[in-house]
Amino acid sequence: MQITKITDKQDLLLNSKRKYLSDEDLQREFDYYRAEKLLYQMLGMGLITKVEFNKIMLLNRETFSPALAEIMPLNR
């Protein structure tokens, strides 16, 4: 029985369309995630209001520029 590996060509096709993130991009994504997590904790503890939360999140999107910022909701 002969076995032929056909994944090599498929991998090349998929990888050529893939956009890779730089180390700086990954760091910004991570920093945004940490800031978001901290804000949710502050909101849950009553340290900030929903309005303050949304204002800070908007500033964080501008500061960290996460990859999906364009499609993120403005208010939560």
N, C-alpha and C. Protein backbone atom coordinates (compact mmCIF):
# COMPACT_ATOMS: atom_id res chain seq x y z
N MET A 1 0.84 -1.17 0.00
CA MET A 1 0.00 0.00 0.00
C MET A 1 0.90 1.24 0.00
N GLN A 2 0.53 2.24 -0.80
CA GLN A 2 1.30 3.48 -0.91
C GLN A 2 0.51 4.61 -0.24
N ILE A 3 1.20 5.39 0.59
CA ILE A 3 0.58 6.51 1.27
C ILE A 3 1.20 7.80 0.75
N THR A 4 0.34 8.73 0.38
CA THR A 4 0.82 10.00 -0.14
C THR A 4 0.39 11.12 0.81
N LYS A 5 1.34 11.94 1.18
CA LYS A 5 1.05 13.05 2.06
C LYS A 5 0.61 14.24 1.20
N ILE A 6 -0.59 14.73 1.43
CA ILE A 6 -1.10 15.82 0.60
C ILE A 6 -1.25 17.13 1.38
N THR A 7 -0.85 17.14 2.62
CA THR A 7 -1.04 18.34 3.44
C THR A 7 -0.02 19.43 3.15
N ASP A 8 1.12 19.10 2.57
CA ASP A 8 2.15 20.12 2.33
C ASP A 8 1.63 21.25 1.45
N LYS A 9 0.98 20.94 0.35
CA LYS A 9 0.48 21.97 -0.55
C LYS A 9 -0.65 22.75 0.11
N GLN A 10 -1.48 22.08 0.86
CA GLN A 10 -2.57 22.77 1.55
C GLN A 10 -2.01 23.73 2.59
N ASP A 11 -1.00 23.32 3.33
CA ASP A 11 -0.39 24.18 4.33
C ASP A 11 0.19 25.44 3.69
N LEU A 12 0.83 25.29 2.56
CA LEU A 12 1.40 26.45 1.87
C LEU A 12 0.31 27.43 1.45
N LEU A 13 -0.80 26.91 0.97
CA LEU A 13 -1.88 27.78 0.55
C LEU A 13 -2.49 28.52 1.73
N LEU A 14 -2.68 27.84 2.83
CA LEU A 14 -3.26 28.46 4.01
C LEU A 14 -2.31 29.49 4.62
N ASN A 15 -1.04 29.15 4.73
CA ASN A 15 -0.07 30.03 5.36
C ASN A 15 0.19 31.29 4.55
N SER A 16 0.05 31.22 3.24
CA SER A 16 0.31 32.41 2.43
C SER A 16 -0.74 33.49 2.65
N LYS A 17 -1.93 33.11 3.10
CA LYS A 17 -3.00 34.07 3.34
C LYS A 17 -3.05 34.53 4.80
N ARG A 18 -2.31 33.88 5.65
CA ARG A 18 -2.35 34.17 7.08
C ARG A 18 -1.56 35.43 7.40
N LYS A 19 -2.11 36.28 8.25
CA LYS A 19 -1.43 37.48 8.69
C LYS A 19 -0.82 37.20 10.06
N TYR A 20 0.46 37.40 10.17
CA TYR A 20 1.14 37.15 11.43
C TYR A 20 1.28 38.45 12.21
N LEU A 21 1.16 38.34 13.53
CA LEU A 21 1.29 39.50 14.39
C LEU A 21 2.73 39.63 14.86
N SER A 22 3.20 40.86 14.94
CA SER A 22 4.54 41.11 15.45
C SER A 22 4.53 40.98 16.98
N ASP A 23 5.70 40.96 17.57
CA ASP A 23 5.79 40.90 19.03
C ASP A 23 5.12 42.11 19.66
N GLU A 24 5.27 43.27 19.02
CA GLU A 24 4.65 44.49 19.52
C GLU A 24 3.13 44.39 19.46
N ASP A 25 2.59 43.84 18.37
CA ASP A 25 1.15 43.66 18.25
C ASP A 25 0.62 42.71 19.32
N LEU A 26 1.33 41.62 19.53
CA LEU A 26 0.91 40.66 20.56
C LEU A 26 0.94 41.29 21.94
N GLN A 27 1.96 42.11 22.22
CA GLN A 27 2.05 42.76 23.52
C GLN A 27 0.89 43.72 23.72
N ARG A 28 0.52 44.48 22.68
CA ARG A 28 -0.62 45.40 22.78
C ARG A 28 -1.91 44.64 23.04
N GLU A 29 -2.10 43.50 22.36
CA GLU A 29 -3.29 42.69 22.58
C GLU A 29 -3.35 42.20 24.03
N PHE A 30 -2.22 41.75 24.54
CA PHE A 30 -2.15 41.24 25.91
C PHE A 30 -2.42 42.36 26.91
N ASP A 31 -1.82 43.52 26.69
CA ASP A 31 -2.03 44.66 27.59
C ASP A 31 -3.49 45.08 27.59
N TYR A 32 -4.11 45.08 26.41
CA TYR A 32 -5.53 45.44 26.32
C TYR A 32 -6.38 44.43 27.10
N TYR A 33 -6.08 43.15 26.94
CA TYR A 33 -6.82 42.11 27.65
C TYR A 33 -6.69 42.28 29.16
N ARG A 34 -5.48 42.56 29.64
CA ARG A 34 -5.27 42.74 31.08
C ARG A 34 -6.04 43.95 31.60
N ALA A 35 -6.00 45.05 30.82
CA ALA A 35 -6.72 46.26 31.24
C ALA A 35 -8.23 46.00 31.28
N GLU A 36 -8.73 45.27 30.29
CA GLU A 36 -10.16 44.95 30.25
C GLU A 36 -10.55 44.09 31.44
N LYS A 37 -9.75 43.11 31.74
CA LYS A 37 -10.04 42.21 32.87
C LYS A 37 -10.06 42.99 34.19
N LEU A 38 -9.12 43.89 34.37
CA LEU A 38 -9.06 44.70 35.57
C LEU A 38 -10.28 45.61 35.68
N LEU A 39 -10.68 46.20 34.56
CA LEU A 39 -11.86 47.07 34.58
C LEU A 39 -13.12 46.30 34.93
N TYR A 40 -13.26 45.08 34.41
CA TYR A 40 -14.43 44.27 34.76
C TYR A 40 -14.45 43.98 36.26
N GLN A 41 -13.29 43.72 36.83
CA GLN A 41 -13.22 43.47 38.27
C GLN A 41 -13.62 44.73 39.05
N MET A 42 -13.12 45.88 38.61
CA MET A 42 -13.47 47.14 39.27
C MET A 42 -14.95 47.43 39.16
N LEU A 43 -15.53 47.15 38.00
CA LEU A 43 -16.96 47.34 37.81
C LEU A 43 -17.75 46.41 38.72
N GLY A 44 -17.33 45.17 38.79
CA GLY A 44 -18.01 44.19 39.63
C GLY A 44 -17.96 44.52 41.11
N MET A 45 -16.87 45.17 41.53
CA MET A 45 -16.71 45.55 42.94
C MET A 45 -17.38 46.89 43.25
N GLY A 46 -17.92 47.54 42.22
CA GLY A 46 -18.59 48.82 42.43
C GLY A 46 -17.64 50.00 42.54
N LEU A 47 -16.39 49.82 42.15
CA LEU A 47 -15.41 50.92 42.24
C LEU A 47 -15.57 51.93 41.11
N ILE A 48 -16.15 51.50 39.99
CA ILE A 48 -16.43 52.41 38.88
C ILE A 48 -17.86 52.14 38.39
N THR A 49 -18.44 53.14 37.76
CA THR A 49 -19.80 52.98 37.22
C THR A 49 -19.71 52.43 35.79
N LYS A 50 -20.85 52.05 35.26
CA LYS A 50 -20.92 51.55 33.88
C LYS A 50 -20.48 52.64 32.90
N VAL A 51 -20.84 53.87 33.17
CA VAL A 51 -20.44 54.99 32.30
C VAL A 51 -18.93 55.16 32.32
N GLU A 52 -18.34 55.12 33.51
CA GLU A 52 -16.88 55.24 33.63
C GLU A 52 -16.19 54.07 32.94
N PHE A 53 -16.75 52.88 33.12
CA PHE A 53 -16.20 51.69 32.47
C PHE A 53 -16.14 51.88 30.96
N ASN A 54 -17.24 52.34 30.36
CA ASN A 54 -17.29 52.52 28.91
C ASN A 54 -16.32 53.60 28.43
N LYS A 55 -16.18 54.67 29.21
CA LYS A 55 -15.24 55.74 28.83
C LYS A 55 -13.80 55.22 28.86
N ILE A 56 -13.46 54.48 29.89
CA ILE A 56 -12.11 53.94 30.02
C ILE A 56 -11.83 52.92 28.92
N MET A 57 -12.82 52.07 28.62
CA MET A 57 -12.63 51.07 27.56
C MET A 57 -12.40 51.75 26.21
N LEU A 58 -13.10 52.84 25.95
CA LEU A 58 -12.90 53.58 24.71
C LEU A 58 -11.48 54.13 24.63
N LEU A 59 -10.99 54.67 25.74
CA LEU A 59 -9.61 55.15 25.79
C LEU A 59 -8.61 54.01 25.61
N ASN A 60 -8.91 52.86 26.20
CA ASN A 60 -8.02 51.70 26.05
C ASN A 60 -7.94 51.23 24.61
N ARG A 61 -9.07 51.28 23.88
CA ARG A 61 -9.05 50.89 22.47
C ARG A 61 -8.15 51.82 21.66
N GLU A 62 -8.19 53.10 22.00
CA GLU A 62 -7.33 54.05 21.30
C GLU A 62 -5.87 53.87 21.68
N THR A 63 -5.61 53.57 22.95
CA THR A 63 -4.25 53.43 23.45
C THR A 63 -3.59 52.14 22.96
N PHE A 64 -4.28 51.02 23.10
CA PHE A 64 -3.69 49.73 22.79
C PHE A 64 -3.91 49.29 21.35
N SER A 65 -4.90 49.85 20.68
CA SER A 65 -5.23 49.50 19.29
C SER A 65 -5.33 47.99 19.09
N PRO A 66 -6.25 47.31 19.78
CA PRO A 66 -6.39 45.86 19.57
C PRO A 66 -6.84 45.57 18.14
N ALA A 67 -6.52 44.39 17.66
CA ALA A 67 -6.76 44.02 16.26
C ALA A 67 -8.24 44.13 15.87
N LEU A 68 -9.13 43.83 16.76
CA LEU A 68 -10.56 43.82 16.43
C LEU A 68 -11.30 45.04 16.95
N ALA A 69 -10.60 46.13 17.19
CA ALA A 69 -11.22 47.33 17.76
C ALA A 69 -12.35 47.86 16.90
N GLU A 70 -12.24 47.71 15.58
CA GLU A 70 -13.26 48.26 14.69
C GLU A 70 -14.63 47.60 14.88
N ILE A 71 -14.65 46.34 15.29
CA ILE A 71 -15.91 45.64 15.42
C ILE A 71 -16.38 45.48 16.87
N MET A 72 -15.63 46.03 17.81
CA MET A 72 -16.01 45.93 19.22
C MET A 72 -17.16 46.89 19.51
N PRO A 73 -18.08 46.49 20.38
CA PRO A 73 -19.18 47.39 20.72
C PRO A 73 -18.65 48.60 21.50
N LEU A 74 -19.30 49.73 21.34
CA LEU A 74 -18.88 50.94 22.05
C LEU A 74 -19.24 50.89 23.52
N ASN A 75 -20.39 50.30 23.84
CA ASN A 75 -20.85 50.22 25.23
C ASN A 75 -21.09 48.76 25.59
N ARG A 76 -20.90 48.47 26.85
CA ARG A 76 -21.17 47.11 27.35
C ARG A 76 -22.20 47.16 28.43
